[in-house]
């Protein structure tokens, strides 16, 4: 089933607005392109962008669509 990326980003923006209204700390909400599902890559490589977004990426990088630690168009 195809994914509507604009809808996904809009939903991320909605979630961000809702969360920021209920918390004092800055929150980042992003979407990640998982690439191909069937792969020989290890867990570390497959989860790299997700882990990077949670642990290293600046909180200002929010409501974006990511793949391989880079913002991509949707």
PDB file of N, CA and C in Angstrom:
ATOM      1  N   UNK A   1       0.846  -1.172   0.000  1.00  0.00           N
ATOM      2  CA  UNK A   1       0.000   0.000   0.000  1.00  0.00           C
ATOM      3  C   UNK A   1       0.895   1.240   0.000  1.00  0.00           C
ATOM      4  N   UNK A   2       0.676   2.171  -0.916  1.00  0.00           N
ATOM      5  CA  UNK A   2       1.491   3.385  -0.960  1.00  0.00           C
ATOM      6  C   UNK A   2       1.268   4.269   0.274  1.00  0.00           C
ATOM      7  N   UNK A   3       2.298   4.979   0.631  1.00  0.00           N
ATOM      8  CA  UNK A   3       2.242   5.867   1.790  1.00  0.00           C
ATOM      9  C   UNK A   3       2.078   7.301   1.307  1.00  0.00           C
ATOM     10  N   UNK A   4       1.147   8.025   1.887  1.00  0.00           N
ATOM     11  CA  UNK A   4       0.968   9.433   1.581  1.00  0.00           C
ATOM     12  C   UNK A   4       1.908  10.217   2.502  1.00  0.00           C
ATOM     13  N   UNK A   5       3.051  10.618   1.978  1.00  0.00           N
ATOM     14  CA  UNK A   5       4.067  11.264   2.801  1.00  0.00           C
ATOM     15  C   UNK A   5       3.619  12.635   3.303  1.00  0.00           C
ATOM     16  N   UNK A   6       2.847  13.351   2.517  1.00  0.00           N
ATOM     17  CA  UNK A   6       2.351  14.651   2.977  1.00  0.00           C
ATOM     18  C   UNK A   6       1.429  14.471   4.177  1.00  0.00           C
ATOM     19  N   UNK A   7       0.623  13.439   4.160  1.00  0.00           N
ATOM     20  CA  UNK A   7      -0.250  13.146   5.293  1.00  0.00           C
ATOM     21  C   UNK A   7       0.582  12.778   6.519  1.00  0.00           C
ATOM     22  N   UNK A   8       1.629  12.007   6.310  1.00  0.00           N
ATOM     23  CA  UNK A   8       2.512  11.612   7.401  1.00  0.00           C
ATOM     24  C   UNK A   8       3.177  12.830   8.045  1.00  0.00           C
ATOM     25  N   UNK A   9       3.670  13.753   7.244  1.00  0.00           N
ATOM     26  CA  UNK A   9       4.296  14.963   7.765  1.00  0.00           C
ATOM     27  C   UNK A   9       3.258  15.834   8.473  1.00  0.00           C
ATOM     28  N   UNK A  10       2.056  15.944   7.916  1.00  0.00           N
ATOM     29  CA  UNK A  10       0.992  16.719   8.567  1.00  0.00           C
ATOM     30  C   UNK A  10       0.631  16.122   9.920  1.00  0.00           C
ATOM     31  N   UNK A  11       0.575  14.810   9.981  1.00  0.00           N
ATOM     32  CA  UNK A  11       0.280  14.155  11.248  1.00  0.00           C
ATOM     33  C   UNK A  11       1.406  14.416  12.251  1.00  0.00           C
ATOM     34  N   UNK A  12       2.650  14.414  11.792  1.00  0.00           N
ATOM     35  CA  UNK A  12       3.785  14.714  12.667  1.00  0.00           C
ATOM     36  C   UNK A  12       3.679  16.132  13.217  1.00  0.00           C
ATOM     37  N   UNK A  13       3.299  17.086  12.375  1.00  0.00           N
ATOM     38  CA  UNK A  13       3.136  18.477  12.809  1.00  0.00           C
ATOM     39  C   UNK A  13       2.033  18.587  13.859  1.00  0.00           C
ATOM     40  N   UNK A  14       0.928  17.887  13.636  1.00  0.00           N
ATOM     41  CA  UNK A  14      -0.167  17.891  14.600  1.00  0.00           C
ATOM     42  C   UNK A  14       0.289  17.331  15.941  1.00  0.00           C
ATOM     43  N   UNK A  15       1.005  16.205  15.912  1.00  0.00           N
ATOM     44  CA  UNK A  15       1.492  15.591  17.148  1.00  0.00           C
ATOM     45  C   UNK A  15       2.450  16.525  17.876  1.00  0.00           C
ATOM     46  N   UNK A  16       3.330  17.176  17.123  1.00  0.00           N
ATOM     47  CA  UNK A  16       4.273  18.107  17.726  1.00  0.00           C
ATOM     48  C   UNK A  16       3.540  19.247  18.426  1.00  0.00           C
ATOM     49  N   UNK A  17       2.578  19.854  17.758  1.00  0.00           N
ATOM     50  CA  UNK A  17       1.822  20.958  18.357  1.00  0.00           C
ATOM     51  C   UNK A  17       1.109  20.504  19.625  1.00  0.00           C
ATOM     52  N   UNK A  18       0.506  19.338  19.582  1.00  0.00           N
ATOM     53  CA  UNK A  18      -0.203  18.811  20.744  1.00  0.00           C
ATOM     54  C   UNK A  18       0.764  18.563  21.907  1.00  0.00           C
ATOM     55  N   UNK A  19       1.899  17.941  21.625  1.00  0.00           N
ATOM     56  CA  UNK A  19       2.863  17.632  22.678  1.00  0.00           C
ATOM     57  C   UNK A  19       3.500  18.891  23.259  1.00  0.00           C
ATOM     58  N   UNK A  20       3.809  19.864  22.408  1.00  0.00           N
ATOM     59  CA  UNK A  20       4.469  21.065  22.914  1.00  0.00           C
ATOM     60  C   UNK A  20       3.531  21.913  23.759  1.00  0.00           C
ATOM     61  N   UNK A  21       2.249  21.790  23.537  1.00  0.00           N
ATOM     62  CA  UNK A  21       1.293  22.524  24.364  1.00  0.00           C
ATOM     63  C   UNK A  21       1.151  21.908  25.746  1.00  0.00           C
ATOM     64  N   UNK A  22       1.546  20.639  25.895  1.00  0.00           N
ATOM     65  CA  UNK A  22       1.375  19.964  27.176  1.00  0.00           C
ATOM     66  C   UNK A  22       2.688  19.734  27.933  1.00  0.00           C
ATOM     67  N   UNK A  23       3.823  20.179  27.375  1.00  0.00           N
ATOM     68  CA  UNK A  23       5.124  19.972  28.020  1.00  0.00           C
ATOM     69  C   UNK A  23       5.953  21.243  27.966  1.00  0.00           C
ATOM     70  N   UNK A  24       6.911  21.333  28.880  1.00  0.00           N
ATOM     71  CA  UNK A  24       7.769  22.511  28.901  1.00  0.00           C
ATOM     72  C   UNK A  24       9.042  22.323  28.072  1.00  0.00           C
ATOM     73  N   UNK A  25       9.540  21.088  27.924  1.00  0.00           N
ATOM     74  CA  UNK A  25      10.770  20.887  27.160  1.00  0.00           C
ATOM     75  C   UNK A  25      10.490  20.824  25.662  1.00  0.00           C
ATOM     76  N   UNK A  26      11.515  21.117  24.865  1.00  0.00           N
ATOM     77  CA  UNK A  26      11.370  21.110  23.410  1.00  0.00           C
ATOM     78  C   UNK A  26      11.316  19.665  22.909  1.00  0.00           C
ATOM     79  N   UNK A  27      10.394  19.391  22.031  1.00  0.00           N
ATOM     80  CA  UNK A  27      10.178  18.048  21.500  1.00  0.00           C
ATOM     81  C   UNK A  27      10.348  18.082  19.989  1.00  0.00           C
ATOM     82  N   UNK A  28      10.980  17.046  19.454  1.00  0.00           N
ATOM     83  CA  UNK A  28      11.113  16.897  18.006  1.00  0.00           C
ATOM     84  C   UNK A  28      10.254  15.711  17.566  1.00  0.00           C
ATOM     85  N   UNK A  29       9.519  15.889  16.471  1.00  0.00           N
ATOM     86  CA  UNK A  29       8.716  14.820  15.897  1.00  0.00           C
ATOM     87  C   UNK A  29       9.117  14.704  14.433  1.00  0.00           C
ATOM     88  N   UNK A  30       9.570  13.521  14.025  1.00  0.00           N
ATOM     89  CA  UNK A  30      10.044  13.314  12.662  1.00  0.00           C
ATOM     90  C   UNK A  30       9.512  12.015  12.103  1.00  0.00           C
ATOM     91  N   UNK A  31       9.622  11.864  10.786  1.00  0.00           N
ATOM     92  CA  UNK A  31       9.288  10.618  10.098  1.00  0.00           C
ATOM     93  C   UNK A  31      10.558  10.099   9.437  1.00  0.00           C
ATOM     94  N   UNK A  32      10.685   8.777   9.382  1.00  0.00           N
ATOM     95  CA  UNK A  32      11.883   8.162   8.826  1.00  0.00           C
ATOM     96  C   UNK A  32      11.492   7.219   7.701  1.00  0.00           C
ATOM     97  N   UNK A  33      12.194   7.337   6.577  1.00  0.00           N
ATOM     98  CA  UNK A  33      12.025   6.396   5.472  1.00  0.00           C
ATOM     99  C   UNK A  33      12.848   5.162   5.810  1.00  0.00           C
ATOM    100  N   UNK A  34      12.217   4.039   5.888  1.00  0.00           N
ATOM    101  CA  UNK A  34      12.922   2.810   6.262  1.00  0.00           C
ATOM    102  C   UNK A  34      13.649   2.160   5.101  1.00  0.00           C
ATOM    103  N   UNK A  35      13.429   2.650   3.891  1.00  0.00           N
ATOM    104  CA  UNK A  35      14.072   2.029   2.731  1.00  0.00           C
ATOM    105  C   UNK A  35      13.427   0.689   2.433  1.00  0.00           C
ATOM    106  N   UNK A  36      14.196  -0.184   1.839  1.00  0.00           N
ATOM    107  CA  UNK A  36      13.692  -1.516   1.510  1.00  0.00           C
ATOM    108  C   UNK A  36      13.497  -2.336   2.769  1.00  0.00           C
ATOM    109  N   UNK A  37      12.465  -3.126   2.809  1.00  0.00           N
ATOM    110  CA  UNK A  37      12.192  -3.952   3.979  1.00  0.00           C
ATOM    111  C   UNK A  37      13.089  -5.183   3.993  1.00  0.00           C
ATOM    112  N   UNK A  38      13.208  -5.889   2.861  1.00  0.00           N
ATOM    113  CA  UNK A  38      14.039  -7.080   2.793  1.00  0.00           C
ATOM    114  C   UNK A  38      15.479  -6.637   2.561  1.00  0.00           C
ATOM    115  N   UNK A  39      16.354  -6.916   3.516  1.00  0.00           N
ATOM    116  CA  UNK A  39      17.725  -6.425   3.427  1.00  0.00           C
ATOM    117  C   UNK A  39      18.681  -7.338   4.183  1.00  0.00           C
ATOM    118  N   UNK A  40      19.943  -7.257   3.812  1.00  0.00           N
ATOM    119  CA  UNK A  40      20.985  -8.006   4.510  1.00  0.00           C
ATOM    120  C   UNK A  40      21.733  -7.122   5.499  1.00  0.00           C
ATOM    121  N   UNK A  41      21.358  -5.850   5.598  1.00  0.00           N
ATOM    122  CA  UNK A  41      22.077  -4.966   6.515  1.00  0.00           C
ATOM    123  C   UNK A  41      21.798  -5.368   7.960  1.00  0.00           C
ATOM    124  N   UNK A  42      22.750  -5.085   8.799  1.00  0.00           N
ATOM    125  CA  UNK A  42      22.603  -5.418  10.211  1.00  0.00           C
ATOM    126  C   UNK A  42      21.674  -4.450  10.916  1.00  0.00           C
ATOM    127  N   UNK A  43      21.319  -4.787  12.129  1.00  0.00           N
ATOM    128  CA  UNK A  43      20.418  -3.957  12.924  1.00  0.00           C
ATOM    129  C   UNK A  43      20.975  -2.558  13.122  1.00  0.00           C
ATOM    130  N   UNK A  44      22.274  -2.448  13.389  1.00  0.00           N
ATOM    131  CA  UNK A  44      22.882  -1.138  13.633  1.00  0.00           C
ATOM    132  C   UNK A  44      22.723  -0.224  12.420  1.00  0.00           C
ATOM    133  N   UNK A  45      22.972  -0.747  11.228  1.00  0.00           N
ATOM    134  CA  UNK A  45      22.847   0.072  10.023  1.00  0.00           C
ATOM    135  C   UNK A  45      21.382   0.417   9.754  1.00  0.00           C
ATOM    136  N   UNK A  46      20.496  -0.532   9.961  1.00  0.00           N
ATOM    137  CA  UNK A  46      19.075  -0.306   9.701  1.00  0.00           C
ATOM    138  C   UNK A  46      18.441   0.698  10.651  1.00  0.00           C
ATOM    139  N   UNK A  47      18.938   0.767  11.870  1.00  0.00           N
ATOM    140  CA  UNK A  47      18.369   1.662  12.881  1.00  0.00           C
ATOM    141  C   UNK A  47      19.178   2.946  13.049  1.00  0.00           C
ATOM    142  N   UNK A  48      20.193   3.139  12.241  1.00  0.00           N
ATOM    143  CA  UNK A  48      21.112   4.263  12.422  1.00  0.00           C
ATOM    144  C   UNK A  48      20.411   5.613  12.473  1.00  0.00           C
ATOM    145  N   UNK A  49      19.568   5.921  11.489  1.00  0.00           N
ATOM    146  CA  UNK A  49      18.924   7.238  11.451  1.00  0.00           C
ATOM    147  C   UNK A  49      17.987   7.438  12.638  1.00  0.00           C
ATOM    148  N   UNK A  50      17.234   6.407  12.994  1.00  0.00           N
ATOM    149  CA  UNK A  50      16.319   6.526  14.134  1.00  0.00           C
ATOM    150  C   UNK A  50      17.091   6.797  15.425  1.00  0.00           C
ATOM    151  N   UNK A  51      18.154   6.075  15.653  1.00  0.00           N
ATOM    152  CA  UNK A  51      18.960   6.270  16.864  1.00  0.00           C
ATOM    153  C   UNK A  51      19.620   7.640  16.846  1.00  0.00           C
ATOM    154  N   UNK A  52      20.127   8.053  15.693  1.00  0.00           N
ATOM    155  CA  UNK A  52      20.759   9.370  15.559  1.00  0.00           C
ATOM    156  C   UNK A  52      19.757  10.482  15.867  1.00  0.00           C
ATOM    157  N   UNK A  53      18.541  10.378  15.344  1.00  0.00           N
ATOM    158  CA  UNK A  53      17.527  11.408  15.603  1.00  0.00           C
ATOM    159  C   UNK A  53      17.194  11.518  17.081  1.00  0.00           C
ATOM    160  N   UNK A  54      17.156  10.407  17.771  1.00  0.00           N
ATOM    161  CA  UNK A  54      16.795  10.410  19.187  1.00  0.00           C
ATOM    162  C   UNK A  54      17.941  10.895  20.070  1.00  0.00           C
ATOM    163  N   UNK A  55      19.182  10.580  19.697  1.00  0.00           N
ATOM    164  CA  UNK A  55      20.301  10.841  20.601  1.00  0.00           C
ATOM    165  C   UNK A  55      21.173  12.036  20.241  1.00  0.00           C
ATOM    166  N   UNK A  56      21.308  12.366  18.964  1.00  0.00           N
ATOM    167  CA  UNK A  56      22.300  13.362  18.548  1.00  0.00           C
ATOM    168  C   UNK A  56      21.697  14.568  17.821  1.00  0.00           C
ATOM    169  N   UNK A  57      20.731  14.336  16.967  1.00  0.00           N
ATOM    170  CA  UNK A  57      20.198  15.413  16.117  1.00  0.00           C
ATOM    171  C   UNK A  57      19.652  16.563  16.962  1.00  0.00           C
ATOM    172  N   UNK A  58      19.877  17.807  16.518  1.00  0.00           N
ATOM    173  CA  UNK A  58      19.335  18.958  17.250  1.00  0.00           C
ATOM    174  C   UNK A  58      17.810  18.917  17.295  1.00  0.00           C
ATOM    175  N   UNK A  59      17.223  19.357  18.380  1.00  0.00           N
ATOM    176  CA  UNK A  59      15.770  19.372  18.531  1.00  0.00           C
ATOM    177  C   UNK A  59      15.099  20.328  17.537  1.00  0.00           C
ATOM    178  N   UNK A  60      15.877  21.244  16.980  1.00  0.00           N
ATOM    179  CA  UNK A  60      15.314  22.155  15.970  1.00  0.00           C
ATOM    180  C   UNK A  60      14.996  21.411  14.675  1.00  0.00           C
ATOM    181  N   UNK A  61      15.613  20.254  14.478  1.00  0.00           N
ATOM    182  CA  UNK A  61      15.341  19.437  13.294  1.00  0.00           C
ATOM    183  C   UNK A  61      14.070  18.644  13.558  1.00  0.00           C
ATOM    184  N   UNK A  62      12.949  19.247  13.233  1.00  0.00           N
ATOM    185  CA  UNK A  62      11.670  18.623  13.557  1.00  0.00           C
ATOM    186  C   UNK A  62      10.678  18.761  12.413  1.00  0.00           C
ATOM    187  N   UNK A  63       9.724  17.856  12.386  1.00  0.00           N
ATOM    188  CA  UNK A  63       8.682  17.757  11.357  1.00  0.00           C
ATOM    189  C   UNK A  63       9.329  17.681   9.976  1.00  0.00           C
ATOM    190  N   UNK A  64      10.243  16.727   9.858  1.00  0.00           N
ATOM    191  CA  UNK A  64      10.923  16.481   8.589  1.00  0.00           C
ATOM    192  C   UNK A  64      10.883  14.997   8.286  1.00  0.00           C
ATOM    193  N   UNK A  65      11.226  14.669   7.051  1.00  0.00           N
ATOM    194  CA  UNK A  65      11.231  13.293   6.572  1.00  0.00           C
ATOM    195  C   UNK A  65      12.684  12.910   6.306  1.00  0.00           C
ATOM    196  N   UNK A  66      13.184  11.870   6.962  1.00  0.00           N
ATOM    197  CA  UNK A  66      14.605  11.536   6.981  1.00  0.00           C
ATOM    198  C   UNK A  66      14.898  10.178   6.355  1.00  0.00           C
ATOM    199  N   UNK A  67      16.090  10.077   5.778  1.00  0.00           N
ATOM    200  CA  UNK A  67      16.666   8.805   5.334  1.00  0.00           C
ATOM    201  C   UNK A  67      18.176   8.970   5.342  1.00  0.00           C
ATOM    202  N   UNK A  68      18.876   8.040   5.953  1.00  0.00           N
ATOM    203  CA  UNK A  68      20.343   8.073   6.040  1.00  0.00           C
ATOM    204  C   UNK A  68      20.861   9.386   6.624  1.00  0.00           C
ATOM    205  N   UNK A  69      20.218   9.847   7.692  1.00  0.00           N
ATOM    206  CA  UNK A  69      20.584  11.080   8.414  1.00  0.00           C
ATOM    207  C   UNK A  69      20.464  12.343   7.556  1.00  0.00           C
ATOM    208  N   UNK A  70      19.701  12.291   6.490  1.00  0.00           N
ATOM    209  CA  UNK A  70      19.498  13.459   5.628  1.00  0.00           C
ATOM    210  C   UNK A  70      18.009  13.676   5.431  1.00  0.00           C
ATOM    211  N   UNK A  71      17.629  14.938   5.355  1.00  0.00           N
ATOM    212  CA  UNK A  71      16.237  15.287   5.066  1.00  0.00           C
ATOM    213  C   UNK A  71      15.987  14.972   3.588  1.00  0.00           C
ATOM    214  N   UNK A  72      14.882  14.304   3.319  1.00  0.00           N
ATOM    215  CA  UNK A  72      14.516  13.997   1.932  1.00  0.00           C
ATOM    216  C   UNK A  72      13.142  14.582   1.637  1.00  0.00           C
ATOM    217  N   UNK A  73      12.869  14.756   0.357  1.00  0.00           N
ATOM    218  CA  UNK A  73      11.553  15.289  -0.023  1.00  0.00           C
ATOM    219  C   UNK A  73      10.530  14.164   0.027  1.00  0.00           C
ATOM    220  N   UNK A  74       9.279  14.541   0.128  1.00  0.00           N
ATOM    221  CA  UNK A  74       8.214  13.548   0.205  1.00  0.00           C
ATOM    222  C   UNK A  74       7.218  13.719  -0.881  1.00  0.00           C
TER     223      UNK A  74
END
